[in-house]
Amino acid sequence: MATPQQFQQLLAPIARFAQGRALDGALQADLNLKFPPPSVSFQQIRAACHAGIAAGWLCGQGDAKRRFGRIFEAGDTTHGFSVDVVDITDLVGNHHRHPTGEIDMIMPVTDAAKFDEHGAGWLVYPPGSAHRPTVSGGRALILYLLPEGKIEWTNQ
């Protein structure tokens, strides 16, 4: 079973890889090439997310349709990113804006589940983008990295 410290160690290569890079389509493509869903890294993080949820230290807030929680604040040990995980089942979430961008690791639990119309893998939102995070087709875990931990909730 993974601990928060082990979880942080699993995420370190990804955060280090993304640190200082533009959050754009090139980073998304590179993450999907270097850390694709079948890779050991991706699968270890997926397993650690499930273990953390089962142990109660991950996704401790919310309800049956959406459980969430910030596991790490942005800092040196996370290469400048905050780390959150959300467990969503068929839900359109609250609209928010990404002042510094967002990196999403999409881990479908239900095979057909998609996050913002994307299946398993990486999705990168550039700085200034906004959306209503949407999971369709079942249940998915989404791990997201926010540069400097920045997110702005909107009233849209």
C-alpha atoms as a PDB file:
ATOM      1  CA  MET A   1       0.000   0.000   0.000  1.00  0.00           C
ATOM      2  CA  ALA A   2       1.308   3.436  -0.925  1.00  0.00           C
ATOM      3  CA  THR A   3       1.880   6.214   1.590  1.00  0.00           C
ATOM      4  CA  PRO A   4       1.700   9.932   0.751  1.00  0.00           C
ATOM      5  CA  GLN A   5       5.512  10.024   0.735  1.00  0.00           C
ATOM      6  CA  GLN A   6       5.715   7.086  -1.692  1.00  0.00           C
ATOM      7  CA  PHE A   7       3.053   8.743  -3.809  1.00  0.00           C
ATOM      8  CA  GLN A   8       5.128  11.911  -3.971  1.00  0.00           C
ATOM      9  CA  GLN A   9       8.162   9.871  -5.087  1.00  0.00           C
ATOM     10  CA  LEU A  10       6.103   8.267  -7.875  1.00  0.00           C
ATOM     11  CA  LEU A  11       5.036  11.706  -9.106  1.00  0.00           C
ATOM     12  CA  ALA A  12       8.494  13.302  -8.917  1.00  0.00           C
ATOM     13  CA  PRO A  13       9.718  12.207 -12.390  1.00  0.00           C
ATOM     14  CA  ILE A  14       6.585  13.598 -14.031  1.00  0.00           C
ATOM     15  CA  ALA A  15       6.678  16.895 -12.152  1.00  0.00           C
ATOM     16  CA  ARG A  16      10.401  17.223 -12.868  1.00  0.00           C
ATOM     17  CA  PHE A  17       9.774  16.475 -16.573  1.00  0.00           C
ATOM     18  CA  ALA A  18       7.090  19.204 -16.762  1.00  0.00           C
ATOM     19  CA  GLN A  19       8.850  21.782 -14.567  1.00  0.00           C
ATOM     20  CA  GLY A  20       9.728  24.936 -16.463  1.00  0.00           C
ATOM     21  CA  ARG A  21       8.053  23.783 -19.683  1.00  0.00           C
ATOM     22  CA  ALA A  22       5.279  25.608 -21.475  1.00  0.00           C
ATOM     23  CA  LEU A  23       1.917  24.048 -20.710  1.00  0.00           C
ATOM     24  CA  ASP A  24       0.784  23.387 -24.254  1.00  0.00           C
ATOM     25  CA  GLY A  25       0.118  20.711 -26.855  1.00  0.00           C
ATOM     26  CA  ALA A  26       3.811  19.827 -27.126  1.00  0.00           C
ATOM     27  CA  LEU A  27       3.986  19.019 -23.411  1.00  0.00           C
ATOM     28  CA  GLN A  28       0.785  16.983 -23.705  1.00  0.00           C
ATOM     29  CA  ALA A  29       2.266  14.976 -26.584  1.00  0.00           C
ATOM     30  CA  ASP A  30       5.553  14.486 -24.738  1.00  0.00           C
ATOM     31  CA  LEU A  31       3.820  13.283 -21.549  1.00  0.00           C
ATOM     32  CA  ASN A  32       1.747  10.818 -23.568  1.00  0.00           C
ATOM     33  CA  LEU A  33       4.935   9.513 -25.220  1.00  0.00           C
ATOM     34  CA  LYS A  34       7.138   9.345 -22.121  1.00  0.00           C
ATOM     35  CA  PHE A  35       4.484   8.272 -19.559  1.00  0.00           C
ATOM     36  CA  PRO A  36       1.716   6.548 -21.582  1.00  0.00           C
ATOM     37  CA  PRO A  37      -1.121   4.662 -19.854  1.00  0.00           C
ATOM     38  CA  PRO A  38       0.502   1.214 -20.309  1.00  0.00           C
ATOM     39  CA  SER A  39       3.818   2.397 -18.799  1.00  0.00           C
ATOM     40  CA  VAL A  40       5.036   1.236 -15.405  1.00  0.00           C
ATOM     41  CA  SER A  41       5.024   4.835 -14.100  1.00  0.00           C
ATOM     42  CA  PHE A  42       1.425   5.480 -15.125  1.00  0.00           C
ATOM     43  CA  GLN A  43       0.231   2.158 -13.716  1.00  0.00           C
ATOM     44  CA  GLN A  44       2.088   2.662 -10.422  1.00  0.00           C
ATOM     45  CA  ILE A  45       0.511   6.084  -9.957  1.00  0.00           C
ATOM     46  CA  ARG A  46      -2.921   4.672 -10.826  1.00  0.00           C
ATOM     47  CA  ALA A  47      -2.493   1.883  -8.259  1.00  0.00           C
ATOM     48  CA  ALA A  48      -1.264   4.374  -5.645  1.00  0.00           C
ATOM     49  CA  CYS A  49      -4.344   6.560  -6.243  1.00  0.00           C
ATOM     50  CA  HIS A  50      -6.643   3.601  -5.631  1.00  0.00           C
ATOM     51  CA  ALA A  51      -4.646   2.597  -2.551  1.00  0.00           C
ATOM     52  CA  GLY A  52      -4.712   6.156  -1.196  1.00  0.00           C
ATOM     53  CA  ILE A  53      -8.471   6.391  -1.659  1.00  0.00           C
ATOM     54  CA  ALA A  54      -8.956   3.033   0.081  1.00  0.00           C
ATOM     55  CA  ALA A  55      -6.671   4.120   2.940  1.00  0.00           C
ATOM     56  CA  GLY A  56      -8.492   7.437   3.314  1.00  0.00           C
ATOM     57  CA  TRP A  57      -5.603   9.844   2.711  1.00  0.00           C
ATOM     58  CA  LEU A  58      -6.656  10.664  -0.850  1.00  0.00           C
ATOM     59  CA  CYS A  59      -9.974  12.115  -2.070  1.00  0.00           C
ATOM     60  CA  GLY A  60     -11.290  12.626   1.444  1.00  0.00           C
ATOM     61  CA  GLN A  61     -13.826  15.344   0.592  1.00  0.00           C
ATOM     62  CA  GLY A  62     -17.012  15.363  -1.448  1.00  0.00           C
ATOM     63  CA  ASP A  63     -19.831  12.924  -2.108  1.00  0.00           C
ATOM     64  CA  ALA A  64     -20.628   9.768  -4.076  1.00  0.00           C
ATOM     65  CA  LYS A  65     -20.380  11.517  -7.486  1.00  0.00           C
ATOM     66  CA  ARG A  66     -17.243  13.531  -6.792  1.00  0.00           C
ATOM     67  CA  ARG A  67     -14.584  12.945  -4.172  1.00  0.00           C
ATOM     68  CA  PHE A  68     -11.498  15.132  -4.163  1.00  0.00           C
ATOM     69  CA  GLY A  69      -8.597  16.499  -2.211  1.00  0.00           C
ATOM     70  CA  ARG A  70      -5.284  18.291  -2.497  1.00  0.00           C
ATOM     71  CA  ILE A  71      -2.547  15.937  -1.405  1.00  0.00           C
ATOM     72  CA  PHE A  72       0.422  18.308  -1.866  1.00  0.00           C
ATOM     73  CA  GLU A  73       0.781  22.066  -1.986  1.00  0.00           C
ATOM     74  CA  ALA A  74       3.091  23.545  -4.621  1.00  0.00           C
ATOM     75  CA  GLY A  75       6.690  23.636  -3.451  1.00  0.00           C
ATOM     76  CA  ASP A  76      10.241  22.472  -4.045  1.00  0.00           C
ATOM     77  CA  THR A  77       9.452  18.812  -3.345  1.00  0.00           C
ATOM     78  CA  THR A  78       6.727  18.871  -5.995  1.00  0.00           C
ATOM     79  CA  HIS A  79       8.783  20.867  -8.518  1.00  0.00           C
ATOM     80  CA  GLY A  80       6.449  23.856  -8.191  1.00  0.00           C
ATOM     81  CA  PHE A  81       3.152  22.024  -8.718  1.00  0.00           C
ATOM     82  CA  SER A  82       0.294  21.383  -6.340  1.00  0.00           C
ATOM     83  CA  VAL A  83      -1.145  17.868  -6.635  1.00  0.00           C
ATOM     84  CA  ASP A  84      -4.853  17.101  -6.435  1.00  0.00           C
ATOM     85  CA  VAL A  85      -6.807  13.948  -7.201  1.00  0.00           C
ATOM     86  CA  VAL A  86     -10.518  13.817  -7.956  1.00  0.00           C
ATOM     87  CA  ASP A  87     -12.696  10.707  -8.292  1.00  0.00           C
ATOM     88  CA  ILE A  88     -15.664  11.586 -10.533  1.00  0.00           C
ATOM     89  CA  THR A  89     -18.584   9.546 -11.831  1.00  0.00           C
ATOM     90  CA  ASP A  90     -20.643  10.990 -14.710  1.00  0.00           C
ATOM     91  CA  LEU A  91     -20.571  14.608 -13.607  1.00  0.00           C
ATOM     92  CA  VAL A  92     -20.080  18.102 -14.967  1.00  0.00           C
ATOM     93  CA  GLY A  93     -18.010  19.963 -12.381  1.00  0.00           C
ATOM     94  CA  ASN A  94     -17.686  23.574 -11.331  1.00  0.00           C
ATOM     95  CA  HIS A  95     -16.311  26.027 -13.866  1.00  0.00           C
ATOM     96  CA  HIS A  96     -12.788  27.216 -13.152  1.00  0.00           C
ATOM     97  CA  ARG A  97      -9.882  28.997 -14.794  1.00  0.00           C
ATOM     98  CA  HIS A  98      -6.220  27.969 -14.932  1.00  0.00           C
ATOM     99  CA  PRO A  99      -4.099  31.138 -14.498  1.00  0.00           C
ATOM    100  CA  THR A 100      -0.873  29.133 -14.940  1.00  0.00           C
ATOM    101  CA  GLY A 101      -2.290  26.085 -16.729  1.00  0.00           C
ATOM    102  CA  GLU A 102      -3.194  22.558 -15.653  1.00  0.00           C
ATOM    103  CA  ILE A 103      -1.789  19.091 -16.339  1.00  0.00           C
ATOM    104  CA  ASP A 104      -4.309  16.249 -16.062  1.00  0.00           C
ATOM    105  CA  MET A 105      -3.563  12.547 -15.755  1.00  0.00           C
ATOM    106  CA  ILE A 106      -6.742  10.725 -16.797  1.00  0.00           C
ATOM    107  CA  MET A 107      -7.269   7.269 -15.290  1.00  0.00           C
ATOM    108  CA  PRO A 108     -10.590   5.722 -16.306  1.00  0.00           C
ATOM    109  CA  VAL A 109     -12.014   3.293 -13.750  1.00  0.00           C
ATOM    110  CA  THR A 110     -14.893   2.420 -16.072  1.00  0.00           C
ATOM    111  CA  ASP A 111     -13.399   1.469 -19.455  1.00  0.00           C
ATOM    112  CA  ALA A 112     -15.597   3.926 -21.393  1.00  0.00           C
ATOM    113  CA  ALA A 113     -15.063   6.848 -19.002  1.00  0.00           C
ATOM    114  CA  LYS A 114     -13.685  10.046 -20.483  1.00  0.00           C
ATOM    115  CA  PHE A 115     -12.545  13.322 -18.988  1.00  0.00           C
ATOM    116  CA  ASP A 116     -13.359  16.344 -21.130  1.00  0.00           C
ATOM    117  CA  GLU A 117     -13.799  13.881 -24.001  1.00  0.00           C
ATOM    118  CA  HIS A 118     -10.341  12.316 -23.502  1.00  0.00           C
ATOM    119  CA  GLY A 119      -9.628   8.740 -22.482  1.00  0.00           C
ATOM    120  CA  ALA A 120      -6.657   7.428 -20.506  1.00  0.00           C
ATOM    121  CA  GLY A 121      -3.541   9.561 -20.737  1.00  0.00           C
ATOM    122  CA  TRP A 122      -2.464  13.168 -20.356  1.00  0.00           C
ATOM    123  CA  LEU A 123      -4.334  16.377 -21.100  1.00  0.00           C
ATOM    124  CA  VAL A 124      -2.687  19.799 -20.759  1.00  0.00           C
ATOM    125  CA  TYR A 125      -4.585  23.063 -20.452  1.00  0.00           C
ATOM    126  CA  PRO A 126      -2.547  26.203 -21.215  1.00  0.00           C
ATOM    127  CA  PRO A 127      -2.356  29.254 -18.956  1.00  0.00           C
ATOM    128  CA  GLY A 128      -5.549  31.307 -19.036  1.00  0.00           C
ATOM    129  CA  SER A 129      -7.759  28.413 -20.141  1.00  0.00           C
ATOM    130  CA  ALA A 130     -11.020  27.524 -18.401  1.00  0.00           C
ATOM    131  CA  HIS A 131     -13.512  24.659 -18.383  1.00  0.00           C
ATOM    132  CA  ARG A 132     -16.139  22.671 -16.524  1.00  0.00           C
ATOM    133  CA  PRO A 133     -14.355  19.404 -15.749  1.00  0.00           C
ATOM    134  CA  THR A 134     -16.619  16.714 -17.157  1.00  0.00           C
ATOM    135  CA  VAL A 135     -16.500  12.963 -16.756  1.00  0.00           C
ATOM    136  CA  SER A 136     -18.798  10.974 -19.028  1.00  0.00           C
ATOM    137  CA  GLY A 137     -19.204   7.257 -19.622  1.00  0.00           C
ATOM    138  CA  GLY A 138     -18.660   6.170 -16.022  1.00  0.00           C
ATOM    139  CA  ARG A 139     -16.043   6.733 -13.361  1.00  0.00           C
ATOM    140  CA  ALA A 140     -12.533   8.181 -13.692  1.00  0.00           C
ATOM    141  CA  LEU A 141      -9.747   9.343 -11.441  1.00  0.00           C
ATOM    142  CA  ILE A 142      -8.091  12.595 -12.488  1.00  0.00           C
ATOM    143  CA  LEU A 143      -4.770  13.643 -11.004  1.00  0.00           C
ATOM    144  CA  TYR A 144      -3.984  17.247 -11.734  1.00  0.00           C
ATOM    145  CA  LEU A 145      -0.888  19.329 -11.359  1.00  0.00           C
ATOM    146  CA  LEU A 146      -1.274  23.084 -11.026  1.00  0.00           C
ATOM    147  CA  PRO A 147       1.800  25.301 -11.441  1.00  0.00           C
ATOM    148  CA  GLU A 148       2.137  27.318  -8.231  1.00  0.00           C
ATOM    149  CA  GLY A 149      -1.124  25.695  -7.080  1.00  0.00           C
ATOM    150  CA  LYS A 150      -3.132  28.354  -8.885  1.00  0.00           C
ATOM    151  CA  ILE A 151      -6.798  27.864  -9.757  1.00  0.00           C
ATOM    152  CA  GLU A 152      -9.643  30.372  -9.960  1.00  0.00           C
ATOM    153  CA  TRP A 153     -13.220  29.245  -9.346  1.00  0.00           C
ATOM    154  CA  THR A 154     -15.709  31.209 -11.418  1.00  0.00           C
ATOM    155  CA  ASN A 155     -19.479  31.754 -11.275  1.00  0.00           C
ATOM    156  CA  GLN A 156     -20.198  30.535 -14.804  1.00  0.00           C
END
